[in-house]
Amino acid sequence: MLSVLASRKEGYRFYFELRDGGRTFGGGLTEAGLLICDPACTQKELMLRTLVNKCRNDFVPAVSARDEWGVALGRFGFERKGELFYSSWDKLRLPHDCGH
């Protein structure tokens, strides 16, 4: 069973723990505005969706991410600038593939 619950971790504006069976992975938004996820996370897209949703709900002005999520970050409203991808809260989105 999967769950994603808010937690706390020093150096993060917000942090979540994703539980996949008996394994736990962390991810969050650092104080520097970078979205981070444990490299071994089994559900990186779910963690990314959780973090993007939190950024949107909290009106986080700007966020960045590395290309390590296993999904096209452009679908989530990010634009590549050098080594990182950037977005503002008003451009972040939660894409869906339902055809609507």
PDB file of N, CA and C in Angstrom:
ATOM      1  N   MET A   1       0.840  -1.181   0.000  1.00  0.00           N
ATOM      2  CA  MET A   1       0.000   0.000   0.000  1.00  0.00           C
ATOM      3  C   MET A   1       0.883   1.242   0.000  1.00  0.00           C
ATOM      4  N   LEU A   2       0.469   2.243  -0.754  1.00  0.00           N
ATOM      5  CA  LEU A   2       1.193   3.507  -0.847  1.00  0.00           C
ATOM      6  C   LEU A   2       0.574   4.552   0.058  1.00  0.00           C
ATOM      7  N   SER A   3       1.432   5.368   0.647  1.00  0.00           N
ATOM      8  CA  SER A   3       0.957   6.539   1.378  1.00  0.00           C
ATOM      9  C   SER A   3       2.025   7.621   1.275  1.00  0.00           C
ATOM     10  N   VAL A   4       1.584   8.868   1.282  1.00  0.00           N
ATOM     11  CA  VAL A   4       2.486  10.014   1.284  1.00  0.00           C
ATOM     12  C   VAL A   4       2.007  10.937   2.393  1.00  0.00           C
ATOM     13  N   LEU A   5       2.856  11.111   3.394  1.00  0.00           N
ATOM     14  CA  LEU A   5       2.469  11.897   4.564  1.00  0.00           C
ATOM     15  C   LEU A   5       3.459  13.017   4.816  1.00  0.00           C
ATOM     16  N   ALA A   6       2.944  14.158   5.224  1.00  0.00           N
ATOM     17  CA  ALA A   6       3.789  15.295   5.571  1.00  0.00           C
ATOM     18  C   ALA A   6       4.628  14.941   6.788  1.00  0.00           C
ATOM     19  N   SER A   7       5.857  15.424   6.764  1.00  0.00           N
ATOM     20  CA  SER A   7       6.794  15.198   7.856  1.00  0.00           C
ATOM     21  C   SER A   7       7.619  16.476   8.006  1.00  0.00           C
ATOM     22  N   ARG A   8       8.686  16.411   8.759  1.00  0.00           N
ATOM     23  CA  ARG A   8       9.578  17.561   8.920  1.00  0.00           C
ATOM     24  C   ARG A   8      11.011  17.085   8.775  1.00  0.00           C
ATOM     25  N   LYS A   9      11.820  17.944   8.180  1.00  0.00           N
ATOM     26  CA  LYS A   9      13.239  17.656   8.067  1.00  0.00           C
ATOM     27  C   LYS A   9      13.977  18.976   7.985  1.00  0.00           C
ATOM     28  N   GLU A  10      15.047  19.084   8.730  1.00  0.00           N
ATOM     29  CA  GLU A  10      15.822  20.316   8.749  1.00  0.00           C
ATOM     30  C   GLU A  10      16.352  20.627   7.353  1.00  0.00           C
ATOM     31  N   GLY A  11      16.271  21.899   6.972  1.00  0.00           N
ATOM     32  CA  GLY A  11      16.751  22.346   5.670  1.00  0.00           C
ATOM     33  C   GLY A  11      15.693  22.329   4.582  1.00  0.00           C
ATOM     34  N   TYR A  12      14.463  21.937   4.951  1.00  0.00           N
ATOM     35  CA  TYR A  12      13.367  21.857   3.986  1.00  0.00           C
ATOM     36  C   TYR A  12      12.224  22.770   4.391  1.00  0.00           C
ATOM     37  N   ARG A  13      11.634  23.441   3.415  1.00  0.00           N
ATOM     38  CA  ARG A  13      10.429  24.240   3.682  1.00  0.00           C
ATOM     39  C   ARG A  13       9.272  23.310   3.998  1.00  0.00           C
ATOM     40  N   PHE A  14       9.200  22.196   3.261  1.00  0.00           N
ATOM     41  CA  PHE A  14       8.274  21.117   3.588  1.00  0.00           C
ATOM     42  C   PHE A  14       8.870  19.812   3.105  1.00  0.00           C
ATOM     43  N   TYR A  15       8.448  18.729   3.736  1.00  0.00           N
ATOM     44  CA  TYR A  15       9.031  17.412   3.498  1.00  0.00           C
ATOM     45  C   TYR A  15       7.941  16.359   3.625  1.00  0.00           C
ATOM     46  N   PHE A  16       8.007  15.348   2.787  1.00  0.00           N
ATOM     47  CA  PHE A  16       7.029  14.258   2.810  1.00  0.00           C
ATOM     48  C   PHE A  16       7.747  12.918   2.855  1.00  0.00           C
ATOM     49  N   GLU A  17       7.083  11.939   3.431  1.00  0.00           N
ATOM     50  CA  GLU A  17       7.581  10.569   3.411  1.00  0.00           C
ATOM     51  C   GLU A  17       6.594   9.713   2.638  1.00  0.00           C
ATOM     52  N   LEU A  18       7.123   9.027   1.629  1.00  0.00           N
ATOM     53  CA  LEU A  18       6.329   8.125   0.820  1.00  0.00           C
ATOM     54  C   LEU A  18       6.624   6.713   1.303  1.00  0.00           C
ATOM     55  N   ARG A  19       5.579   6.002   1.677  1.00  0.00           N
ATOM     56  CA  ARG A  19       5.731   4.617   2.128  1.00  0.00           C
ATOM     57  C   ARG A  19       5.171   3.697   1.053  1.00  0.00           C
ATOM     58  N   ASP A  20       6.005   2.757   0.638  1.00  0.00           N
ATOM     59  CA  ASP A  20       5.642   1.767  -0.370  1.00  0.00           C
ATOM     60  C   ASP A  20       5.911   0.410   0.255  1.00  0.00           C
ATOM     61  N   GLY A  21       4.855  -0.173   0.827  1.00  0.00           N
ATOM     62  CA  GLY A  21       5.040  -1.406   1.581  1.00  0.00           C
ATOM     63  C   GLY A  21       5.873  -1.110   2.818  1.00  0.00           C
ATOM     64  N   GLY A  22       6.953  -1.841   2.995  1.00  0.00           N
ATOM     65  CA  GLY A  22       7.818  -1.639   4.155  1.00  0.00           C
ATOM     66  C   GLY A  22       8.928  -0.638   3.934  1.00  0.00           C
ATOM     67  N   ARG A  23       8.985  -0.030   2.756  1.00  0.00           N
ATOM     68  CA  ARG A  23      10.053   0.920   2.447  1.00  0.00           C
ATOM     69  C   ARG A  23       9.545   2.347   2.556  1.00  0.00           C
ATOM     70  N   THR A  24      10.424   3.253   3.009  1.00  0.00           N
ATOM     71  CA  THR A  24      10.080   4.664   3.159  1.00  0.00           C
ATOM     72  C   THR A  24      11.096   5.508   2.407  1.00  0.00           C
ATOM     73  N   PHE A  25      10.585   6.492   1.652  1.00  0.00           N
ATOM     74  CA  PHE A  25      11.419   7.400   0.873  1.00  0.00           C
ATOM     75  C   PHE A  25      11.003   8.828   1.193  1.00  0.00           C
ATOM     76  N   GLY A  26      11.947   9.745   1.150  1.00  0.00           N
ATOM     77  CA  GLY A  26      11.650  11.130   1.451  1.00  0.00           C
ATOM     78  C   GLY A  26      11.787  12.035   0.255  1.00  0.00           C
ATOM     79  N   GLY A  27      11.136  13.184   0.351  1.00  0.00           N
ATOM     80  CA  GLY A  27      11.252  14.207  -0.675  1.00  0.00           C
ATOM     81  C   GLY A  27      10.641  15.497  -0.182  1.00  0.00           C
ATOM     82  N   GLY A  28      11.086  16.603  -0.753  1.00  0.00           N
ATOM     83  CA  GLY A  28      10.541  17.872  -0.312  1.00  0.00           C
ATOM     84  C   GLY A  28      11.111  19.043  -1.073  1.00  0.00           C
ATOM     85  N   LEU A  29      10.834  20.218  -0.565  1.00  0.00           N
ATOM     86  CA  LEU A  29      11.323  21.466  -1.122  1.00  0.00           C
ATOM     87  C   LEU A  29      12.367  22.023  -0.167  1.00  0.00           C
ATOM     88  N   THR A  30      13.612  22.138  -0.635  1.00  0.00           N
ATOM     89  CA  THR A  30      14.671  22.668   0.211  1.00  0.00           C
ATOM     90  C   THR A  30      14.466  24.163   0.445  1.00  0.00           C
ATOM     91  N   GLU A  31      15.170  24.686   1.421  1.00  0.00           N
ATOM     92  CA  GLU A  31      15.108  26.124   1.696  1.00  0.00           C
ATOM     93  C   GLU A  31      15.560  26.932   0.482  1.00  0.00           C
ATOM     94  N   ALA A  32      16.408  26.341  -0.368  1.00  0.00           N
ATOM     95  CA  ALA A  32      16.896  27.010  -1.578  1.00  0.00           C
ATOM     96  C   ALA A  32      15.903  26.928  -2.739  1.00  0.00           C
ATOM     97  N   GLY A  33      14.776  26.234  -2.541  1.00  0.00           N
ATOM     98  CA  GLY A  33      13.752  26.156  -3.573  1.00  0.00           C
ATOM     99  C   GLY A  33      13.915  25.014  -4.553  1.00  0.00           C
ATOM    100  N   LEU A  34      14.684  23.987  -4.187  1.00  0.00           N
ATOM    101  CA  LEU A  34      14.920  22.843  -5.061  1.00  0.00           C
ATOM    102  C   LEU A  34      14.070  21.659  -4.602  1.00  0.00           C
ATOM    103  N   LEU A  35      13.339  21.061  -5.552  1.00  0.00           N
ATOM    104  CA  LEU A  35      12.567  19.853  -5.248  1.00  0.00           C
ATOM    105  C   LEU A  35      13.513  18.657  -5.241  1.00  0.00           C
ATOM    106  N   ILE A  36      13.447  17.863  -4.176  1.00  0.00           N
ATOM    107  CA  ILE A  36      14.353  16.738  -3.964  1.00  0.00           C
ATOM    108  C   ILE A  36      13.539  15.483  -3.696  1.00  0.00           C
ATOM    109  N   CYS A  37      14.068  14.344  -4.166  1.00  0.00           N
ATOM    110  CA  CYS A  37      13.464  13.043  -3.893  1.00  0.00           C
ATOM    111  C   CYS A  37      14.582  12.030  -3.697  1.00  0.00           C
ATOM    112  N   ASP A  38      14.390  11.084  -2.780  1.00  0.00           N
ATOM    113  CA  ASP A  38      15.363  10.013  -2.624  1.00  0.00           C
ATOM    114  C   ASP A  38      15.588   9.325  -3.969  1.00  0.00           C
ATOM    115  N   PRO A  39      16.834   9.127  -4.368  1.00  0.00           N
ATOM    116  CA  PRO A  39      17.111   8.487  -5.663  1.00  0.00           C
ATOM    117  C   PRO A  39      16.497   7.094  -5.810  1.00  0.00           C
ATOM    118  N   ALA A  40      16.360   6.357  -4.732  1.00  0.00           N
ATOM    119  CA  ALA A  40      15.827   4.993  -4.796  1.00  0.00           C
ATOM    120  C   ALA A  40      14.303   4.932  -4.712  1.00  0.00           C
ATOM    121  N   CYS A  41      13.643   6.079  -4.665  1.00  0.00           N
ATOM    122  CA  CYS A  41      12.185   6.114  -4.526  1.00  0.00           C
ATOM    123  C   CYS A  41      11.517   5.308  -5.640  1.00  0.00           C
ATOM    124  N   THR A  42      10.581   4.476  -5.273  1.00  0.00           N
ATOM    125  CA  THR A  42       9.881   3.607  -6.228  1.00  0.00           C
ATOM    126  C   THR A  42       8.729   4.322  -6.935  1.00  0.00           C
ATOM    127  N   GLN A  43       8.314   5.465  -6.428  1.00  0.00           N
ATOM    128  CA  GLN A  43       7.167   6.196  -6.980  1.00  0.00           C
ATOM    129  C   GLN A  43       7.517   7.678  -7.122  1.00  0.00           C
ATOM    130  N   LYS A  44       8.517   7.970  -7.941  1.00  0.00           N
ATOM    131  CA  LYS A  44       8.984   9.356  -8.076  1.00  0.00           C
ATOM    132  C   LYS A  44       7.906  10.291  -8.633  1.00  0.00           C
ATOM    133  N   GLU A  45       7.114   9.811  -9.581  1.00  0.00           N
ATOM    134  CA  GLU A  45       6.078  10.691 -10.126  1.00  0.00           C
ATOM    135  C   GLU A  45       5.037  11.032  -9.067  1.00  0.00           C
ATOM    136  N   LEU A  46       4.680  10.090  -8.233  1.00  0.00           N
ATOM    137  CA  LEU A  46       3.739  10.365  -7.149  1.00  0.00           C
ATOM    138  C   LEU A  46       4.325  11.397  -6.189  1.00  0.00           C
ATOM    139  N   MET A  47       5.604  11.269  -5.863  1.00  0.00           N
ATOM    140  CA  MET A  47       6.249  12.250  -4.988  1.00  0.00           C
ATOM    141  C   MET A  47       6.271  13.612  -5.670  1.00  0.00           C
ATOM    142  N   LEU A  48       6.615  13.656  -6.952  1.00  0.00           N
ATOM    143  CA  LEU A  48       6.635  14.928  -7.671  1.00  0.00           C
ATOM    144  C   LEU A  48       5.248  15.569  -7.680  1.00  0.00           C
ATOM    145  N   ARG A  49       4.214  14.791  -7.937  1.00  0.00           N
ATOM    146  CA  ARG A  49       2.849  15.325  -7.929  1.00  0.00           C
ATOM    147  C   ARG A  49       2.486  15.880  -6.552  1.00  0.00           C
ATOM    148  N   THR A  50       2.897  15.191  -5.510  1.00  0.00           N
ATOM    149  CA  THR A  50       2.637  15.665  -4.146  1.00  0.00           C
ATOM    150  C   THR A  50       3.318  17.005  -3.910  1.00  0.00           C
ATOM    151  N   LEU A  51       4.579  17.104  -4.319  1.00  0.00           N
ATOM    152  CA  LEU A  51       5.342  18.330  -4.088  1.00  0.00           C
ATOM    153  C   LEU A  51       4.823  19.489  -4.935  1.00  0.00           C
ATOM    154  N   VAL A  52       4.490  19.223  -6.192  1.00  0.00           N
ATOM    155  CA  VAL A  52       3.944  20.277  -7.056  1.00  0.00           C
ATOM    156  C   VAL A  52       2.611  20.768  -6.498  1.00  0.00           C
ATOM    157  N   ASN A  53       1.776  19.859  -6.054  1.00  0.00           N
ATOM    158  CA  ASN A  53       0.491  20.249  -5.464  1.00  0.00           C
ATOM    159  C   ASN A  53       0.703  21.126  -4.231  1.00  0.00           C
ATOM    160  N   LYS A  54       1.636  20.761  -3.387  1.00  0.00           N
ATOM    161  CA  LYS A  54       1.926  21.550  -2.181  1.00  0.00           C
ATOM    162  C   LYS A  54       2.450  22.938  -2.562  1.00  0.00           C
ATOM    163  N   CYS A  55       3.343  22.995  -3.560  1.00  0.00           N
ATOM    164  CA  CYS A  55       3.873  24.287  -4.016  1.00  0.00           C
ATOM    165  C   CYS A  55       2.751  25.185  -4.529  1.00  0.00           C
ATOM    166  N   ARG A  56       1.834  24.595  -5.287  1.00  0.00           N
ATOM    167  CA  ARG A  56       0.716  25.373  -5.822  1.00  0.00           C
ATOM    168  C   ARG A  56      -0.197  25.861  -4.698  1.00  0.00           C
ATOM    169  N   ASN A  57      -0.520  24.989  -3.786  1.00  0.00           N
ATOM    170  CA  ASN A  57      -1.431  25.351  -2.694  1.00  0.00           C
ATOM    171  C   ASN A  57      -0.834  26.386  -1.757  1.00  0.00           C
ATOM    172  N   ASP A  58       0.491  26.353  -1.593  1.00  0.00           N
ATOM    173  CA  ASP A  58       1.171  27.296  -0.692  1.00  0.00           C
ATOM    174  C   ASP A  58       1.670  28.541  -1.424  1.00  0.00           C
ATOM    175  N   PHE A  59       1.371  28.658  -2.719  1.00  0.00           N
ATOM    176  CA  PHE A  59       1.799  29.793  -3.527  1.00  0.00           C
ATOM    177  C   PHE A  59       3.305  30.030  -3.423  1.00  0.00           C
ATOM    178  N   VAL A  60       4.087  28.944  -3.523  1.00  0.00           N
ATOM    179  CA  VAL A  60       5.544  29.057  -3.507  1.00  0.00           C
ATOM    180  C   VAL A  60       5.948  29.813  -4.777  1.00  0.00           C
ATOM    181  N   PRO A  61       6.606  30.954  -4.650  1.00  0.00           N
ATOM    182  CA  PRO A  61       6.859  31.819  -5.805  1.00  0.00           C
ATOM    183  C   PRO A  61       7.648  31.158  -6.940  1.00  0.00           C
ATOM    184  N   ALA A  62       8.695  30.399  -6.602  1.00  0.00           N
ATOM    185  CA  ALA A  62       9.532  29.783  -7.639  1.00  0.00           C
ATOM    186  C   ALA A  62      10.145  28.506  -7.099  1.00  0.00           C
ATOM    187  N   VAL A  63      10.224  27.505  -7.971  1.00  0.00           N
ATOM    188  CA  VAL A  63      10.840  26.225  -7.599  1.00  0.00           C
ATOM    189  C   VAL A  63      11.740  25.756  -8.736  1.00  0.00           C
ATOM    190  N   SER A  64      12.677  24.897  -8.386  1.00  0.00           N
ATOM    191  CA  SER A  64      13.550  24.305  -9.389  1.00  0.00           C
ATOM    192  C   SER A  64      13.654  22.808  -9.120  1.00  0.00           C
ATOM    193  N   ALA A  65      14.106  22.088 -10.145  1.00  0.00           N
ATOM    194  CA  ALA A  65      14.255  20.634 -10.021  1.00  0.00           C
ATOM    195  C   ALA A  65      15.341  20.168 -10.977  1.00  0.00           C
ATOM    196  N   ARG A  66      15.980  19.083 -10.611  1.00  0.00           N
ATOM    197  CA  ARG A  66      16.938  18.438 -11.502  1.00  0.00           C
ATOM    198  C   ARG A  66      16.179  17.429 -12.366  1.00  0.00           C
ATOM    199  N   ASP A  67      16.786  17.047 -13.465  1.00  0.00           N
ATOM    200  CA  ASP A  67      16.177  16.072 -14.364  1.00  0.00           C
ATOM    201  C   ASP A  67      16.458  14.665 -13.836  1.00  0.00           C
ATOM    202  N   GLU A  68      15.826  14.334 -12.706  1.00  0.00           N
ATOM    203  CA  GLU A  68      16.052  13.038 -12.069  1.00  0.00           C
ATOM    204  C   GLU A  68      14.746  12.383 -11.619  1.00  0.00           C
ATOM    205  N   TRP A  69      13.634  12.866 -12.132  1.00  0.00           N
ATOM    206  CA  TRP A  69      12.330  12.393 -11.697  1.00  0.00           C
ATOM    207  C   TRP A  69      11.775  11.266 -12.554  1.00  0.00           C
ATOM    208  N   GLY A  70      12.379  11.014 -13.713  1.00  0.00           N
ATOM    209  CA  GLY A  70      11.895   9.943 -14.578  1.00  0.00           C
ATOM    210  C   GLY A  70      10.656  10.301 -15.378  1.00  0.00           C
ATOM    211  N   VAL A  71      10.309  11.567 -15.395  1.00  0.00           N
ATOM    212  CA  VAL A  71       9.169  12.067 -16.181  1.00  0.00           C
ATOM    213  C   VAL A  71       9.595  13.367 -16.861  1.00  0.00           C
ATOM    214  N   ALA A  72       8.852  13.757 -17.888  1.00  0.00           N
ATOM    215  CA  ALA A  72       9.123  15.018 -18.577  1.00  0.00           C
ATOM    216  C   ALA A  72       8.642  16.177 -17.698  1.00  0.00           C
ATOM    217  N   LEU A  73       9.573  16.928 -17.152  1.00  0.00           N
ATOM    218  CA  LEU A  73       9.209  18.015 -16.239  1.00  0.00           C
ATOM    219  C   LEU A  73       8.439  19.138 -16.936  1.00  0.00           C
ATOM    220  N   GLY A  74       8.581  19.261 -18.238  1.00  0.00           N
ATOM    221  CA  GLY A  74       7.815  20.262 -18.978  1.00  0.00           C
ATOM    222  C   GLY A  74       6.317  20.055 -18.837  1.00  0.00           C
ATOM    223  N   ARG A  75       5.888  18.810 -18.698  1.00  0.00           N
ATOM    224  CA  ARG A  75       4.458  18.527 -18.508  1.00  0.00           C
ATOM    225  C   ARG A  75       3.928  19.127 -17.210  1.00  0.00           C
ATOM    226  N   PHE A  76       4.815  19.364 -16.263  1.00  0.00           N
ATOM    227  CA  PHE A  76       4.433  19.899 -14.957  1.00  0.00           C
ATOM    228  C   PHE A  76       4.617  21.416 -14.878  1.00  0.00           C
ATOM    229  N   GLY A  77       4.988  22.025 -16.014  1.00  0.00           N
ATOM    230  CA  GLY A  77       5.119  23.478 -16.052  1.00  0.00           C
ATOM    231  C   GLY A  77       6.534  23.994 -15.880  1.00  0.00           C
ATOM    232  N   PHE A  78       7.526  23.121 -15.906  1.00  0.00           N
ATOM    233  CA  PHE A  78       8.919  23.532 -15.752  1.00  0.00           C
ATOM    234  C   PHE A  78       9.532  23.849 -17.113  1.00  0.00           C
ATOM    235  N   GLU A  79      10.505  24.769 -17.102  1.00  0.00           N
ATOM    236  CA  GLU A  79      11.297  25.093 -18.285  1.00  0.00           C
ATOM    237  C   GLU A  79      12.763  24.884 -17.940  1.00  0.00           C
ATOM    238  N   ARG A  80      13.474  24.262 -18.876  1.00  0.00           N
ATOM    239  CA  ARG A  80      14.900  24.013 -18.654  1.00  0.00           C
ATOM    240  C   ARG A  80      15.690  25.302 -18.839  1.00  0.00           C
ATOM    241  N   LYS A  81      16.578  25.561 -17.876  1.00  0.00           N
ATOM    242  CA  LYS A  81      17.527  26.674 -17.945  1.00  0.00           C
ATOM    243  C   LYS A  81      18.858  26.136 -17.439  1.00  0.00           C
ATOM    244  N   GLY A  82      19.710  25.742 -18.376  1.00  0.00           N
ATOM    245  CA  GLY A  82      20.989  25.147 -17.996  1.00  0.00           C
ATOM    246  C   GLY A  82      20.786  23.743 -17.452  1.00  0.00           C
ATOM    247  N   GLU A  83      21.341  23.488 -16.303  1.00  0.00           N
ATOM    248  CA  GLU A  83      21.276  22.157 -15.690  1.00  0.00           C
ATOM    249  C   GLU A  83      19.984  21.899 -14.921  1.00  0.00           C
ATOM    250  N   LEU A  84      19.225  22.954 -14.634  1.00  0.00           N
ATOM    251  CA  LEU A  84      18.020  22.817 -13.816  1.00  0.00           C
ATOM    252  C   LEU A  84      16.766  23.179 -14.610  1.00  0.00           C
ATOM    253  N   PHE A  85      15.641  22.777 -14.067  1.00  0.00           N
ATOM    254  CA  PHE A  85      14.329  23.147 -14.576  1.00  0.00           C
ATOM    255  C   PHE A  85      13.706  24.096 -13.561  1.00  0.00           C
ATOM    256  N   TYR A  86      13.023  25.128 -14.045  1.00  0.00           N
ATOM    257  CA  TYR A  86      12.434  26.145 -13.180  1.00  0.00           C
ATOM    258  C   TYR A  86      10.957  26.342 -13.500  1.00  0.00           C
ATOM    259  N   SER A  87      10.193  26.755 -12.477  1.00  0.00           N
ATOM    260  CA  SER A  87       8.807  27.137 -12.672  1.00  0.00           C
ATOM    261  C   SER A  87       8.382  28.075 -11.557  1.00  0.00           C
ATOM    262  N   SER A  88       7.373  28.872 -11.859  1.00  0.00           N
ATOM    263  CA  SER A  88       6.731  29.699 -10.834  1.00  0.00           C
ATOM    264  C   SER A  88       5.424  29.018 -10.453  1.00  0.00           C
ATOM    265  N   TRP A  89       4.865  29.381  -9.325  1.00  0.00           N
ATOM    266  CA  TRP A  89       3.678  28.683  -8.817  1.00  0.00           C
ATOM    267  C   TRP A  89       2.504  28.758  -9.793  1.00  0.00           C
ATOM    268  N   ASP A  90       2.398  29.885 -10.498  1.00  0.00           N
ATOM    269  CA  ASP A  90       1.264  30.045 -11.403  1.00  0.00           C
ATOM    270  C   ASP A  90       1.415  29.239 -12.700  1.00  0.00           C
ATOM    271  N   LYS A  91       2.592  28.708 -12.969  1.00  0.00           N
ATOM    272  CA  LYS A  91       2.805  27.884 -14.162  1.00  0.00           C
ATOM    273  C   LYS A  91       2.854  26.393 -13.844  1.00  0.00           C
ATOM    274  N   LEU A  92       2.992  26.058 -12.566  1.00  0.00           N
ATOM    275  CA  LEU A  92       3.003  24.645 -12.186  1.00  0.00           C
ATOM    276  C   LEU A  92       1.654  24.014 -12.502  1.00  0.00           C
ATOM    277  N   ARG A  93       1.686  22.769 -12.932  1.00  0.00           N
ATOM    278  CA  ARG A  93       0.426  22.071 -13.216  1.00  0.00           C
ATOM    279  C   ARG A  93       0.575  20.586 -12.910  1.00  0.00           C
ATOM    280  N   LEU A  94      -0.563  19.966 -12.737  1.00  0.00           N
ATOM    281  CA  LEU A  94      -0.636  18.513 -12.502  1.00  0.00           C
ATOM    282  C   LEU A  94      -1.272  17.883 -13.733  1.00  0.00           C
ATOM    283  N   PRO A  95      -0.443  17.414 -14.670  1.00  0.00           N
ATOM    284  CA  PRO A  95      -0.980  16.880 -15.914  1.00  0.00           C
ATOM    285  C   PRO A  95      -1.716  15.566 -15.710  1.00  0.00           C
ATOM    286  N   HIS A  96      -2.657  15.326 -16.598  1.00  0.00           N
ATOM    287  CA  HIS A  96      -3.368  14.044 -16.578  1.00  0.00           C
ATOM    288  C   HIS A  96      -3.513  13.589 -18.016  1.00  0.00           C
ATOM    289  N   ASP A  97      -3.678  12.321 -18.192  1.00  0.00           N
ATOM    290  CA  ASP A  97      -3.754  11.744 -19.529  1.00  0.00           C
ATOM    291  C   ASP A  97      -5.102  11.108 -19.802  1.00  0.00           C
ATOM    292  N   CYS A  98      -6.149  11.670 -19.234  1.00  0.00           N
ATOM    293  CA  CYS A  98      -7.474  11.079 -19.383  1.00  0.00           C
ATOM    294  C   CYS A  98      -8.158  11.459 -20.692  1.00  0.00           C
ATOM    295  N   GLY A  99      -7.566  12.379 -21.447  1.00  0.00           N
ATOM    296  CA  GLY A  99      -8.158  12.776 -22.719  1.00  0.00           C
ATOM    297  C   GLY A  99      -9.077  13.970 -22.652  1.00  0.00           C
ATOM    298  N   HIS A 100      -9.229  14.580 -21.488  1.00  0.00           N
ATOM    299  CA  HIS A 100     -10.099  15.768 -21.343  1.00  0.00           C
ATOM    300  C   HIS A 100      -9.272  17.007 -21.166  1.00  0.00           C
TER     301      HIS A 100
END
